[in-house]
Amino acid sequence: MRMPSAPRFLQLSDVAEVLNTSSAQVYALVRRGDLRAIKIGGRGQWRVEATELEAYIERMYAEADRFVADHPFVEADSEGPRQD
């Protein structure tokens, strides 16, 4: 059996590195149910499947796209604020 080049399951610290955030933030995502994970071993260590992380990232892109569509960016007048 050949081992894959990338691990199937990631530790929360690995996920935090990918997302450029803290392990505490990733733990909060998992506990809220925003990011699916499993608990393994007697100490109940959390692991996130790489495909679940990718699905989460895709959902966040879709959410950001909806936000941008619902809240168009309007540039301020280049001459500064209006004074009436």
Protein backbone atom coordinates (compact mmCIF):
# COMPACT_ATOMS: atom_id res chain seq x y z
CA MET A 1 0.00 0.00 0.00
CA ARG A 2 1.40 3.36 -1.04
CA MET A 3 1.04 6.30 1.34
CA PRO A 4 -0.31 9.55 -0.11
CA SER A 5 2.10 12.49 -0.34
CA ALA A 6 -0.20 14.71 1.74
CA PRO A 7 -1.81 13.52 4.97
CA ARG A 8 -5.53 12.77 4.87
CA PHE A 9 -6.11 14.24 8.34
CA LEU A 10 -4.67 17.44 9.76
CA GLN A 11 -4.09 18.57 13.32
CA LEU A 12 -5.76 21.82 14.33
CA SER A 13 -2.35 23.49 14.34
CA ASP A 14 -1.87 22.41 10.70
CA VAL A 15 -5.28 23.85 9.77
CA ALA A 16 -4.39 27.08 11.60
CA GLU A 17 -1.22 27.35 9.52
CA VAL A 18 -3.13 26.85 6.25
CA LEU A 19 -5.72 29.46 7.24
CA ASN A 20 -3.06 31.77 8.75
CA THR A 21 -4.93 31.99 12.05
CA SER A 22 -4.56 30.60 15.57
CA SER A 23 -5.24 27.07 16.76
CA ALA A 24 -7.76 28.57 19.20
CA GLN A 25 -9.68 30.10 16.28
CA VAL A 26 -9.69 26.76 14.44
CA TYR A 27 -10.89 25.00 17.60
CA ALA A 28 -13.75 27.53 17.81
CA LEU A 29 -14.66 26.83 14.17
CA VAL A 30 -14.78 23.11 14.94
CA ARG A 31 -16.78 23.48 18.17
CA ARG A 32 -19.32 25.76 16.47
CA GLY A 33 -19.72 23.22 13.69
CA ASP A 34 -18.43 25.55 11.00
CA LEU A 35 -15.56 23.18 10.19
CA ARG A 36 -16.22 19.44 10.37
CA ALA A 37 -13.71 17.39 12.34
CA ILE A 38 -13.43 14.10 14.19
CA LYS A 39 -12.11 13.23 17.64
CA ILE A 40 -9.64 10.39 17.83
CA GLY A 41 -7.84 8.53 20.58
CA GLY A 42 -8.37 8.35 24.31
CA ARG A 43 -7.55 12.02 24.78
CA GLY A 44 -10.01 13.04 22.08
CA GLN A 45 -7.65 14.92 19.80
CA TRP A 46 -9.35 16.74 16.94
CA ARG A 47 -8.47 16.01 13.32
CA VAL A 48 -9.76 17.72 10.20
CA GLU A 49 -9.88 15.81 6.95
CA ALA A 50 -8.10 17.71 4.16
CA THR A 51 -11.22 17.49 1.97
CA GLU A 52 -13.30 19.06 4.77
CA LEU A 53 -10.84 21.94 5.02
CA GLU A 54 -11.07 22.50 1.25
CA ALA A 55 -14.89 22.38 1.43
CA TYR A 56 -14.83 24.94 4.27
CA ILE A 57 -12.59 27.24 2.23
CA GLU A 58 -14.95 26.96 -0.76
CA ARG A 59 -17.94 27.80 1.48
CA MET A 60 -16.12 30.86 2.80
CA TYR A 61 -15.38 32.03 -0.75
CA ALA A 62 -19.08 31.60 -1.64
CA GLU A 63 -20.06 33.51 1.51
CA ALA A 64 -17.62 36.31 0.67
CA ASP A 65 -19.00 36.45 -2.89
CA ARG A 66 -22.54 36.81 -1.53
CA PHE A 67 -21.43 39.55 0.85
CA VAL A 68 -19.71 41.49 -1.93
CA ALA A 69 -22.77 41.13 -4.18
CA ASP A 70 -25.09 42.30 -1.39
CA HIS A 71 -22.82 45.17 -0.28
CA PRO A 72 -21.31 46.85 -3.35
CA PHE A 73 -18.24 48.95 -2.75
CA VAL A 74 -18.86 52.63 -3.32
CA GLU A 75 -15.82 54.85 -3.58
CA ALA A 76 -15.92 58.15 -1.72
CA ASP A 77 -15.82 61.39 -3.65
CA SER A 78 -12.17 62.10 -4.45
CA GLU A 79 -12.52 65.71 -3.27
CA GLY A 80 -13.27 64.65 0.29
CA PRO A 81 -16.47 64.85 2.32
CA ARG A 82 -19.24 67.16 1.24
CA GLN A 83 -19.80 70.24 3.31
CA ASP A 84 -23.34 71.55 3.05
